[in-house]
């Protein structure tokens, strides 16, 4: 997501928040009018991101990552570890954070090439300790990838910080 899209999204969320507080009172329930189901039958849906072409990338327990193409076709990639948050990198690949803590699976960070289906593990540990609860990845336009991890007590005190993952970024396609 580039800065312009981020700022537009933030402005839209701010406008929604302001609109839901008419006359200084917070609305008990925002209106769901106009919302419709676009993908049904999911198992533990968590993350969602949108590619430049309008494809919607999402996580659920059916695959490492799934994509709803602009025409409505659903394409699933790989076997699910324990997918949670997703992001789109500058090349249009999916970045998947896995929340393995409750399932006894690893909390690895993966990159899924949506053109080939190839899945790479970007990070599986920090300072020799396995990741178990990766949450929300984000990819920047310069190729950096950031991801939150919910279990800071599983890491040494000096590791309770934000870290940038060097994922050997490739040139934009």
Foldseek 3Di string as FASTA:
>chain_A
DAPVVVVVVVVVVVVQQVVCCPPNRHNPDDDPPPDDDLDDDFAPKAEWEADPQGWIKTDGQAACIWIQHPVSDIDHAHHHQAWHYWEAALQRWIWTFHQQQVVVGFRFIWTADPVPSDIDTQDQDDPPHGQHGWHYWYYYNVGKIWIDGDCCVSDPPVPPDTDIGPRVDDDHD
